[in-house]
């Protein structure tokens, strides 16, 4: 599975009941052969996704390899472990960052 495919499919896996009143934009800066910049915005219990630069200010920005992203989003790698090992860099609100994996079922 490619990062672009995961981002495109996230709305299908979204758990709106988990979002509550969350309004956040997650930005993913991915390195590697399938890398790029992607974003996920959660607002009003809805999710939108895209590639490239978002017009919304980032609440959280994650930087990692494309492989680490796929492993985290598919449940192969624990996101906290990846962060502690230095595989993921986070800029922004850590509390909101930690909610990301609770907002979606695994693809």
C-alpha atoms as a PDB file:
ATOM      1  CA  UNK A   1       0.000   0.000   0.000  1.00  0.00           C
ATOM      2  CA  UNK A   2       1.327   3.451  -0.919  1.00  0.00           C
ATOM      3  CA  UNK A   3       1.065   6.605   1.210  1.00  0.00           C
ATOM      4  CA  UNK A   4      -1.055   8.289  -1.466  1.00  0.00           C
ATOM      5  CA  UNK A   5      -3.498   5.354  -1.413  1.00  0.00           C
ATOM      6  CA  UNK A   6      -3.770   5.468   2.370  1.00  0.00           C
ATOM      7  CA  UNK A   7      -4.446   9.217   2.356  1.00  0.00           C
ATOM      8  CA  UNK A   8      -7.098   8.844  -0.366  1.00  0.00           C
ATOM      9  CA  UNK A   9      -8.826   6.025   1.526  1.00  0.00           C
ATOM     10  CA  UNK A  10      -8.792   7.610   4.996  1.00  0.00           C
ATOM     11  CA  UNK A  11     -12.308   9.087   4.681  1.00  0.00           C
ATOM     12  CA  UNK A  12     -13.622   5.514   4.274  1.00  0.00           C
ATOM     13  CA  UNK A  13     -11.978   4.527   7.566  1.00  0.00           C
ATOM     14  CA  UNK A  14     -12.898   7.647   9.530  1.00  0.00           C
ATOM     15  CA  UNK A  15     -14.611   7.177  12.905  1.00  0.00           C
ATOM     16  CA  UNK A  16     -16.578  10.415  13.383  1.00  0.00           C
ATOM     17  CA  UNK A  17     -17.659   9.478  16.904  1.00  0.00           C
ATOM     18  CA  UNK A  18     -13.966   9.533  17.901  1.00  0.00           C
ATOM     19  CA  UNK A  19     -13.475  13.057  16.556  1.00  0.00           C
ATOM     20  CA  UNK A  20     -15.898  14.797  18.898  1.00  0.00           C
ATOM     21  CA  UNK A  21     -15.266  18.541  18.577  1.00  0.00           C
ATOM     22  CA  UNK A  22     -11.751  18.131  17.166  1.00  0.00           C
ATOM     23  CA  UNK A  23     -10.750  20.673  14.544  1.00  0.00           C
ATOM     24  CA  UNK A  24      -7.237  19.924  13.343  1.00  0.00           C
ATOM     25  CA  UNK A  25      -5.080  19.704  10.270  1.00  0.00           C
ATOM     26  CA  UNK A  26      -2.438  16.995  10.199  1.00  0.00           C
ATOM     27  CA  UNK A  27       0.387  17.463   7.707  1.00  0.00           C
ATOM     28  CA  UNK A  28       2.655  14.604   6.668  1.00  0.00           C
ATOM     29  CA  UNK A  29       6.021  15.371   5.105  1.00  0.00           C
ATOM     30  CA  UNK A  30       7.231  12.024   3.842  1.00  0.00           C
ATOM     31  CA  UNK A  31      10.659  11.197   2.487  1.00  0.00           C
ATOM     32  CA  UNK A  32      11.520   8.231   0.268  1.00  0.00           C
ATOM     33  CA  UNK A  33      10.626   7.130  -3.223  1.00  0.00           C
ATOM     34  CA  UNK A  34       6.869   7.352  -2.502  1.00  0.00           C
ATOM     35  CA  UNK A  35       7.201  10.447  -0.322  1.00  0.00           C
ATOM     36  CA  UNK A  36       5.594  13.827  -0.650  1.00  0.00           C
ATOM     37  CA  UNK A  37       3.450  16.186   1.339  1.00  0.00           C
ATOM     38  CA  UNK A  38      -0.041  15.130   2.370  1.00  0.00           C
ATOM     39  CA  UNK A  39      -2.684  16.546   4.699  1.00  0.00           C
ATOM     40  CA  UNK A  40      -5.722  15.405   6.649  1.00  0.00           C
ATOM     41  CA  UNK A  41      -8.208  17.898   8.076  1.00  0.00           C
ATOM     42  CA  UNK A  42     -10.730  16.860  10.707  1.00  0.00           C
ATOM     43  CA  UNK A  43     -13.496  19.395  11.373  1.00  0.00           C
ATOM     44  CA  UNK A  44     -17.160  19.151  12.328  1.00  0.00           C
ATOM     45  CA  UNK A  45     -16.879  15.340  12.583  1.00  0.00           C
ATOM     46  CA  UNK A  46     -15.839  15.129   8.930  1.00  0.00           C
ATOM     47  CA  UNK A  47     -12.506  14.446   7.272  1.00  0.00           C
ATOM     48  CA  UNK A  48     -10.930  15.759   4.089  1.00  0.00           C
ATOM     49  CA  UNK A  49      -7.582  14.726   2.678  1.00  0.00           C
ATOM     50  CA  UNK A  50      -5.213  15.768  -0.047  1.00  0.00           C
ATOM     51  CA  UNK A  51      -1.721  15.933  -1.435  1.00  0.00           C
ATOM     52  CA  UNK A  52       0.519  18.966  -1.591  1.00  0.00           C
ATOM     53  CA  UNK A  53       0.192  22.111   0.454  1.00  0.00           C
ATOM     54  CA  UNK A  54      -3.032  22.731   2.360  1.00  0.00           C
ATOM     55  CA  UNK A  55      -4.628  26.141   2.730  1.00  0.00           C
ATOM     56  CA  UNK A  56      -5.275  25.369   6.416  1.00  0.00           C
ATOM     57  CA  UNK A  57      -2.560  26.028   9.007  1.00  0.00           C
ATOM     58  CA  UNK A  58      -1.054  22.793  10.297  1.00  0.00           C
ATOM     59  CA  UNK A  59      -2.033  21.837  13.834  1.00  0.00           C
ATOM     60  CA  UNK A  60       0.545  19.050  13.726  1.00  0.00           C
ATOM     61  CA  UNK A  61       3.279  18.246  11.210  1.00  0.00           C
ATOM     62  CA  UNK A  62       4.765  14.762  11.057  1.00  0.00           C
ATOM     63  CA  UNK A  63       8.032  14.076   9.258  1.00  0.00           C
ATOM     64  CA  UNK A  64       8.979  10.460   8.526  1.00  0.00           C
ATOM     65  CA  UNK A  65       9.795   8.062   5.718  1.00  0.00           C
ATOM     66  CA  UNK A  66       7.098   6.789   3.429  1.00  0.00           C
ATOM     67  CA  UNK A  67       7.709   3.286   4.795  1.00  0.00           C
ATOM     68  CA  UNK A  68       7.262   4.371   8.424  1.00  0.00           C
ATOM     69  CA  UNK A  69       4.013   6.157   7.511  1.00  0.00           C
ATOM     70  CA  UNK A  70       2.600   3.036   5.868  1.00  0.00           C
ATOM     71  CA  UNK A  71       3.675   0.857   8.802  1.00  0.00           C
ATOM     72  CA  UNK A  72       2.047   3.173  11.342  1.00  0.00           C
ATOM     73  CA  UNK A  73      -1.182   3.638   9.428  1.00  0.00           C
ATOM     74  CA  UNK A  74      -1.586  -0.096   8.774  1.00  0.00           C
ATOM     75  CA  UNK A  75      -0.834  -1.077  12.371  1.00  0.00           C
ATOM     76  CA  UNK A  76       2.514  -2.770  11.736  1.00  0.00           C
ATOM     77  CA  UNK A  77       4.441  -0.206  13.802  1.00  0.00           C
ATOM     78  CA  UNK A  78       3.333   1.446  17.038  1.00  0.00           C
ATOM     79  CA  UNK A  79       3.401   5.232  16.516  1.00  0.00           C
ATOM     80  CA  UNK A  80       4.704   5.941  20.035  1.00  0.00           C
ATOM     81  CA  UNK A  81       7.550   3.482  19.549  1.00  0.00           C
ATOM     82  CA  UNK A  82       8.394   5.026  16.163  1.00  0.00           C
ATOM     83  CA  UNK A  83       8.464   8.484  17.778  1.00  0.00           C
ATOM     84  CA  UNK A  84      10.652   7.305  20.658  1.00  0.00           C
ATOM     85  CA  UNK A  85      13.059   5.675  18.194  1.00  0.00           C
ATOM     86  CA  UNK A  86      13.375   8.937  16.270  1.00  0.00           C
ATOM     87  CA  UNK A  87      11.628   7.588  13.184  1.00  0.00           C
ATOM     88  CA  UNK A  88       8.915  10.259  13.473  1.00  0.00           C
ATOM     89  CA  UNK A  89       9.431  13.946  14.133  1.00  0.00           C
ATOM     90  CA  UNK A  90       6.453  15.947  15.362  1.00  0.00           C
ATOM     91  CA  UNK A  91       5.988  19.699  15.329  1.00  0.00           C
ATOM     92  CA  UNK A  92       2.849  21.074  16.934  1.00  0.00           C
ATOM     93  CA  UNK A  93       0.317  19.889  19.490  1.00  0.00           C
ATOM     94  CA  UNK A  94       1.401  16.468  20.811  1.00  0.00           C
ATOM     95  CA  UNK A  95      -1.998  15.821  22.380  1.00  0.00           C
ATOM     96  CA  UNK A  96      -3.738  16.234  19.035  1.00  0.00           C
ATOM     97  CA  UNK A  97      -0.964  14.239  17.348  1.00  0.00           C
ATOM     98  CA  UNK A  98      -1.629  11.308  19.683  1.00  0.00           C
ATOM     99  CA  UNK A  99      -5.304  11.233  18.671  1.00  0.00           C
ATOM    100  CA  UNK A 100      -4.603  10.557  15.002  1.00  0.00           C
ATOM    101  CA  UNK A 101      -4.632   6.761  15.092  1.00  0.00           C
ATOM    102  CA  UNK A 102      -7.832   6.715  17.175  1.00  0.00           C
ATOM    103  CA  UNK A 103      -9.704   8.597  14.442  1.00  0.00           C
ATOM    104  CA  UNK A 104      -9.464   5.844  11.832  1.00  0.00           C
ATOM    105  CA  UNK A 105      -9.906   2.110  11.488  1.00  0.00           C
ATOM    106  CA  UNK A 106      -6.837   0.435  10.022  1.00  0.00           C
ATOM    107  CA  UNK A 107      -6.810   0.196   6.215  1.00  0.00           C
END
